[in-house]
Amino acid sequence: MTGLQTAEGTRATRARVPRPPRHRPDALHRAQARLGWLFSAPALFVIGAVTVFPVVFSVVLSLSHVNVLGSGFRIDGFTLDNYGTIFTAPVWQYALVFTVGYTVITVAVELVLGTLIALVLERLEVFRGWMMAILLIPWSLITVISATLWGYIYDPTNGIADAIFQSLGLGSPVILGTPASSIVAMMIADVWKTTPFVAIIVLAGLVMLPRDVYEAAEMDGCTGWQTFWRITVPLLRPTIALAVLFRVLQAFGVFDLPFVLTQGGPQNATTSLAILGYQVMFSDLKFGAGAAVATTTAALVVIGCLLFLRVVRAQVSETED
C-alpha cells in the first residue's frame, strides 16, 4: 500500500468515527452559574473597591498634574514629569538600592534560619505542637507592636542591648543613631519576626515529602548531607519558592518597621520605597510624584515575582524530567 493510499484510508477512518457530542449547559447549570455570580458580586465589589480602584487611581495620579488645594486636590492634565522627577532624584535611587538590598539580605537569612528550624522540628516526635506555638509568637505580633518592642530594646539609656554592650565592655553605642547600625538593627528585628513564618511553610513541605525516597537513599549509602542536597532541597523547591515569594512581597513593601523604629533615618539611611512614597505624598504634598513612587514600586515587585516564578518553574521542570 502506498503512502497516499494509507493517508486516504486514515482520513476515511477518521471520517467514520463519530465525534462526541458537545456539552451544552442546560438551563439548571446556567441558573446555578448566575446564582453563584450573584452571591459573589458583593465580595467582588469589595475587592475591586479596596484593591483594583486604588491601584488604578494611583496610576492615574502618577500620570497627571496634581494641584493641592485648600479643600483637596485637582487633576490638571496628563504628564510624565512625575516619573522623570523620581528617576533622577538621588533619594529615590538610594531608596531603591536600600529596598532591594534589604529584601535580598533579610529573605536569604530568614530562608536559611527557617529551613534549619524546620529540619529540627520535623525530627521532633514530642512537643512539636508546643514548639510551633511558641515559634509563632513573634509572627503573631502586629509589626507596629514588634517595632515598638525593639525600640525599647535598642533604647540607648534603658535598653537591653545597651546593658549587653556594657557588660561586654563595648560601651554604650547608640544603635539607632548611625546609618550602618540602624540598618542592621532593623534587619535583626525583621528576621526575628518573620523567620517563624518561613519555618512553618518549610516544615509543611517537609512533612509532605515521600518517605520511600529517603529509605532508598539510606539503603544506597547516602550521607545526611548528600540526602539533604540531592533529595530534600530539590523536592522542597516549590515550597521554598512559595516562602520566598511571600517574603519578597512583604519585605519589598516594608513600611511600618522603619516608620516606627527610625522614621526613615538617620540621614535617610532606612528610607525604603514605601517610606519615600509616604513622605513625598503626605509630607511634601506632591501627590503625583508620590503616586509615581508607589506605581514604580508595585511594577518592580510584579516584574521581580514573575521572573522568579519563571526561574523556579524551569528548575522544577528540569527536576521532574
Protein backbone atom coordinates (compact mmCIF):
# COMPACT_ATOMS: atom_id res chain seq x y z
CA MET A 1 0.00 0.00 0.00
CA THR A 2 1.41 3.38 -0.95
CA GLY A 3 1.71 6.36 1.37
CA LEU A 4 -1.12 8.17 -0.49
CA GLN A 5 -3.47 5.20 -0.06
CA THR A 6 -2.56 4.95 3.62
CA ALA A 7 -3.28 8.64 4.16
CA GLU A 8 -6.62 8.34 2.33
CA GLY A 9 -7.55 5.30 4.43
CA THR A 10 -6.66 7.15 7.62
CA ARG A 11 -8.80 10.13 6.63
CA ALA A 12 -11.70 7.81 5.80
CA THR A 13 -11.38 6.06 9.14
CA ARG A 14 -11.38 9.40 10.94
CA ALA A 15 -14.44 10.47 8.97
CA ARG A 16 -16.34 7.36 10.08
CA VAL A 17 -15.53 7.85 13.78
CA PRO A 18 -18.43 9.73 15.35
CA ARG A 19 -17.46 12.85 17.25
CA PRO A 20 -18.57 13.07 20.86
CA PRO A 21 -21.45 15.45 21.34
CA ARG A 22 -20.55 18.86 22.65
CA HIS A 23 -21.54 19.50 26.20
CA ARG A 24 -24.06 22.28 26.38
CA PRO A 25 -25.01 23.59 29.79
CA ASP A 26 -28.67 23.15 30.45
CA ALA A 27 -30.92 25.75 31.99
CA LEU A 28 -30.23 24.45 35.51
CA HIS A 29 -26.48 24.89 35.16
CA ARG A 30 -26.91 28.38 33.74
CA ALA A 31 -29.20 29.30 36.61
CA GLN A 32 -26.68 27.98 39.14
CA ALA A 33 -23.91 29.95 37.47
CA ARG A 34 -25.95 33.15 37.58
CA LEU A 35 -26.79 32.48 41.23
CA GLY A 36 -23.11 31.95 42.01
CA TRP A 37 -22.16 35.25 40.37
CA LEU A 38 -24.99 36.94 42.25
CA PHE A 39 -23.71 35.72 45.63
CA SER A 40 -20.11 36.54 44.69
CA ALA A 41 -20.94 40.04 43.49
CA PRO A 42 -20.70 41.76 46.93
CA ALA A 43 -17.30 40.21 47.64
CA LEU A 44 -16.04 41.05 44.15
CA PHE A 45 -17.26 44.61 44.56
CA VAL A 46 -15.42 44.99 47.88
CA ILE A 47 -12.22 43.51 46.40
CA GLY A 48 -12.44 45.86 43.47
CA ALA A 49 -13.12 48.85 45.71
CA VAL A 50 -10.22 48.22 48.11
CA THR A 51 -7.70 46.73 45.66
CA VAL A 52 -8.28 47.45 41.99
CA PHE A 53 -9.59 51.00 42.29
CA PRO A 54 -6.69 52.32 44.46
CA VAL A 55 -4.15 50.81 42.06
CA VAL A 56 -5.82 52.32 39.00
CA PHE A 57 -6.28 55.67 40.74
CA SER A 58 -2.61 55.67 41.79
CA VAL A 59 -1.55 55.12 38.17
CA VAL A 60 -3.83 57.96 37.06
CA LEU A 61 -2.35 60.30 39.68
CA SER A 62 1.19 59.36 38.68
CA LEU A 63 0.44 60.42 35.09
CA SER A 64 -1.22 63.72 35.98
CA HIS A 65 -0.52 67.26 37.05
CA VAL A 66 -1.91 67.32 40.59
CA ASN A 67 -2.50 70.68 42.25
CA VAL A 68 -3.13 70.65 46.00
CA LEU A 69 -5.92 72.99 47.09
CA GLY A 70 -7.23 74.04 50.47
CA SER A 71 -10.18 71.68 50.15
CA GLY A 72 -8.42 68.80 48.38
CA PHE A 73 -6.58 68.46 45.09
CA ARG A 74 -7.28 68.94 41.39
CA ILE A 75 -6.00 66.96 38.39
CA ASP A 76 -4.87 69.25 35.56
CA GLY A 77 -3.83 67.30 32.51
CA PHE A 78 -1.52 64.46 31.54
CA THR A 79 2.25 64.42 32.16
CA LEU A 80 5.27 62.15 32.52
CA ASP A 81 7.22 64.64 34.62
CA ASN A 82 6.44 62.77 37.83
CA TYR A 83 8.40 59.74 36.68
CA GLY A 84 11.22 61.89 35.37
CA THR A 85 11.42 63.64 38.72
CA ILE A 86 11.68 60.49 40.82
CA PHE A 87 14.02 58.61 38.46
CA THR A 88 16.57 61.44 38.62
CA ALA A 89 16.20 62.05 42.36
CA PRO A 90 19.14 60.68 44.41
CA VAL A 91 16.80 59.87 47.31
CA TRP A 92 14.69 57.59 45.09
CA GLN A 93 17.80 55.86 43.75
CA TYR A 94 19.05 55.26 47.27
CA ALA A 95 15.62 54.05 48.43
CA LEU A 96 15.56 51.57 45.54
CA VAL A 97 19.03 50.22 46.36
CA PHE A 98 18.22 50.04 50.06
CA THR A 99 14.90 48.25 49.49
CA VAL A 100 16.42 45.70 47.12
CA GLY A 101 19.39 45.06 49.43
CA TYR A 102 17.16 44.87 52.49
CA THR A 103 14.86 42.39 50.74
CA VAL A 104 17.66 40.15 49.48
CA ILE A 105 19.54 40.00 52.79
CA THR A 106 16.56 39.53 55.10
CA VAL A 107 14.85 36.94 52.88
CA ALA A 108 18.10 34.97 52.48
CA VAL A 109 18.79 34.94 56.23
CA GLU A 110 15.18 34.04 57.04
CA LEU A 111 15.22 31.23 54.48
CA VAL A 112 18.38 29.68 55.93
CA LEU A 113 17.28 30.01 59.56
CA GLY A 114 13.71 28.95 58.78
CA THR A 115 14.91 25.83 56.95
CA LEU A 116 17.20 24.87 59.84
CA ILE A 117 14.37 25.33 62.35
CA ALA A 118 12.00 23.33 60.15
CA LEU A 119 14.50 20.46 59.91
CA VAL A 120 14.77 20.36 63.70
CA LEU A 121 11.00 20.47 64.19
CA GLU A 122 10.47 17.76 61.58
CA ARG A 123 12.59 15.36 63.62
CA LEU A 124 10.82 16.11 66.89
CA GLU A 125 8.46 13.38 67.97
CA VAL A 126 7.16 15.06 71.12
CA PHE A 127 6.29 18.66 71.93
CA ARG A 128 6.28 19.63 68.25
CA GLY A 129 2.94 21.36 68.63
CA TRP A 130 4.15 23.33 71.64
CA MET A 131 7.34 24.34 69.87
CA MET A 132 5.37 25.52 66.84
CA ALA A 133 3.04 27.54 69.05
CA ILE A 134 5.98 29.22 70.79
CA LEU A 135 7.68 29.79 67.44
CA LEU A 136 4.66 31.61 66.05
CA ILE A 137 4.52 34.17 68.88
CA PRO A 138 6.85 36.67 67.12
CA TRP A 139 4.97 36.25 63.84
CA SER A 140 1.59 36.77 65.51
CA LEU A 141 2.61 40.17 66.87
CA ILE A 142 1.49 43.20 64.91
CA THR A 143 4.51 44.79 63.26
CA VAL A 144 3.91 48.13 64.98
CA ILE A 145 3.97 46.41 68.38
CA SER A 146 7.04 44.39 67.40
CA ALA A 147 8.84 47.53 66.22
CA THR A 148 7.94 49.33 69.45
CA LEU A 149 9.33 46.39 71.43
CA TRP A 150 12.61 46.51 69.51
CA GLY A 151 12.69 50.26 70.01
CA TYR A 152 12.74 49.65 73.76
CA ILE A 153 15.46 47.03 73.30
CA TYR A 154 17.60 49.47 71.29
CA ASP A 155 17.00 52.35 73.70
CA PRO A 156 20.41 53.94 74.43
CA THR A 157 19.60 54.56 78.10
CA ASN A 158 17.49 51.72 79.46
CA GLY A 159 17.53 49.19 76.64
CA ILE A 160 18.60 45.58 76.98
CA ALA A 161 21.04 45.93 74.10
CA ASP A 162 22.80 48.79 75.88
CA ALA A 163 23.15 46.65 79.03
CA ILE A 164 24.61 43.78 76.98
CA PHE A 165 27.15 46.04 75.29
CA GLN A 166 28.19 47.48 78.65
CA SER A 167 28.62 44.02 80.18
CA LEU A 168 30.89 43.09 77.26
CA GLY A 169 32.95 46.23 77.73
CA LEU A 170 31.86 47.77 74.43
CA GLY A 171 30.50 50.98 75.90
CA SER A 172 27.05 52.39 75.11
CA PRO A 173 26.69 52.70 71.35
CA VAL A 174 23.61 54.49 70.04
CA ILE A 175 22.32 51.67 67.86
CA LEU A 176 19.71 53.72 66.01
CA GLY A 177 21.98 56.76 65.79
CA THR A 178 24.23 55.80 62.86
CA PRO A 179 23.20 54.65 59.35
CA ALA A 180 25.00 51.29 59.37
CA SER A 181 23.87 50.22 62.84
CA SER A 182 20.30 51.35 62.14
CA ILE A 183 20.10 49.20 59.02
CA VAL A 184 21.49 46.15 60.83
CA ALA A 185 19.17 46.71 63.79
CA MET A 186 16.13 46.91 61.52
CA MET A 187 17.15 43.73 59.70
CA ILE A 188 17.54 41.89 63.01
CA ALA A 189 14.05 42.94 64.07
CA ASP A 190 12.61 41.79 60.75
CA VAL A 191 14.43 38.44 60.85
CA TRP A 192 13.24 37.82 64.42
CA LYS A 193 9.63 38.40 63.46
CA THR A 194 9.33 36.65 60.10
CA THR A 195 11.68 33.65 60.36
CA PRO A 196 8.92 31.58 62.08
CA PHE A 197 6.68 32.17 59.06
CA VAL A 198 9.30 30.69 56.73
CA ALA A 199 9.94 27.82 59.15
CA ILE A 200 6.27 26.83 59.25
CA ILE A 201 5.97 26.85 55.45
CA VAL A 202 9.15 24.77 55.01
CA LEU A 203 8.01 22.38 57.75
CA ALA A 204 4.72 21.85 55.93
CA GLY A 205 6.69 20.91 52.82
CA LEU A 206 8.99 18.59 54.75
CA VAL A 207 6.22 16.52 56.29
CA MET A 208 4.68 16.02 52.83
CA LEU A 209 7.83 14.54 51.27
CA PRO A 210 7.66 10.82 50.40
CA ARG A 211 9.45 8.64 52.97
CA ASP A 212 10.32 5.88 50.48
CA VAL A 213 12.80 8.16 48.70
CA TYR A 214 14.75 8.63 51.94
CA GLU A 215 14.64 4.89 52.65
CA ALA A 216 16.08 4.21 49.20
CA ALA A 217 18.82 6.83 49.73
CA GLU A 218 19.70 5.26 53.08
CA MET A 219 19.96 1.83 51.50
CA ASP A 220 22.24 3.28 48.80
CA GLY A 221 24.59 4.59 51.49
CA CYS A 222 23.93 8.31 51.07
CA THR A 223 25.13 10.52 53.88
CA GLY A 224 22.85 13.03 55.56
CA TRP A 225 24.49 15.92 53.70
CA GLN A 226 24.09 14.17 50.33
CA THR A 227 20.46 13.34 51.11
CA PHE A 228 19.74 16.94 52.01
CA TRP A 229 21.23 18.50 48.88
CA ARG A 230 20.22 15.82 46.34
CA ILE A 231 16.78 14.88 47.65
CA THR A 232 15.40 17.31 50.21
CA VAL A 233 16.32 20.57 48.51
CA PRO A 234 15.11 19.58 45.00
CA LEU A 235 11.82 18.26 46.38
CA LEU A 236 11.37 21.38 48.51
CA ARG A 237 11.85 23.83 45.62
CA PRO A 238 8.12 24.58 45.19
CA THR A 239 7.70 25.10 48.94
CA ILE A 240 10.81 27.27 49.16
CA ALA A 241 9.61 29.27 46.16
CA LEU A 242 6.29 29.91 47.89
CA ALA A 243 8.00 31.08 51.09
CA VAL A 244 10.40 33.33 49.20
CA LEU A 245 7.59 34.80 47.12
CA PHE A 246 5.55 35.73 50.18
CA ARG A 247 8.55 37.21 51.95
CA VAL A 248 9.69 39.23 48.93
CA LEU A 249 6.22 40.74 48.61
CA GLN A 250 6.29 41.73 52.29
CA ALA A 251 9.93 42.86 52.51
CA PHE A 252 9.87 44.97 49.34
CA GLY A 253 6.94 46.96 50.68
CA VAL A 254 8.35 47.37 54.20
CA PHE A 255 6.89 50.46 55.84
CA ASP A 256 5.73 50.02 59.42
CA LEU A 257 9.01 48.69 60.83
CA PRO A 258 11.26 51.61 59.72
CA PHE A 259 8.43 54.08 60.28
CA VAL A 260 8.22 53.16 63.97
CA LEU A 261 11.91 52.45 64.61
CA THR A 262 13.74 55.16 62.66
CA GLN A 263 11.21 57.22 60.65
CA GLY A 264 13.47 56.55 57.66
CA GLY A 265 16.59 57.96 59.34
CA PRO A 266 19.18 58.64 60.35
CA GLN A 267 20.16 60.64 57.24
CA ASN A 268 17.58 58.71 55.17
CA ALA A 269 19.59 55.52 55.79
CA THR A 270 16.49 53.35 56.32
CA THR A 271 14.22 55.09 53.81
CA SER A 272 12.51 52.35 51.84
CA LEU A 273 10.42 52.96 48.73
CA ALA A 274 7.25 52.77 50.81
CA ILE A 275 8.59 55.31 53.32
CA LEU A 276 9.68 57.57 50.47
CA GLY A 277 6.26 57.41 48.82
CA TYR A 278 4.61 58.32 52.11
CA GLN A 279 6.97 61.24 52.69
CA VAL A 280 6.59 62.63 49.19
CA MET A 281 2.82 62.33 49.13
CA PHE A 282 1.78 63.27 52.64
CA SER A 283 4.70 65.34 53.95
CA ASP A 284 5.69 67.19 50.78
CA LEU A 285 2.11 67.09 49.38
CA LYS A 286 3.36 66.05 45.95
CA PHE A 287 0.60 63.62 45.11
CA GLY A 288 1.72 62.96 41.54
CA ALA A 289 5.31 62.15 42.47
CA GLY A 290 4.21 60.09 45.47
CA ALA A 291 1.86 58.07 43.28
CA ALA A 292 4.71 57.56 40.81
CA VAL A 293 6.87 56.13 43.61
CA ALA A 294 4.06 53.74 44.59
CA THR A 295 3.39 52.71 40.99
CA THR A 296 7.05 52.00 40.21
CA THR A 297 7.35 50.01 43.43
CA ALA A 298 4.36 47.86 42.51
CA ALA A 299 5.68 47.38 38.96
CA LEU A 300 9.11 46.29 40.24
CA VAL A 301 7.51 43.79 42.61
CA VAL A 302 5.35 42.29 39.86
CA ILE A 303 8.26 42.03 37.41
CA GLY A 304 10.56 40.51 40.02
CA CYS A 305 7.98 37.94 41.12
CA LEU A 306 7.22 36.92 37.52
CA LEU A 307 10.91 36.42 36.75
CA PHE A 308 11.40 34.48 39.98
CA LEU A 309 8.44 32.20 39.26
CA ARG A 310 9.68 31.59 35.73
CA VAL A 311 13.10 30.52 37.00
CA VAL A 312 11.59 28.28 39.69
CA ARG A 313 9.19 26.69 37.20
CA ALA A 314 12.08 25.89 34.86
CA GLN A 315 14.09 24.34 37.71
CA VAL A 316 11.12 22.24 38.85
CA SER A 317 10.55 21.03 35.30
CA GLU A 318 14.21 20.00 35.00
CA THR A 319 13.96 18.09 38.29
CA GLU A 320 10.83 16.23 37.15
CA ASP A 321 12.42 15.34 33.83
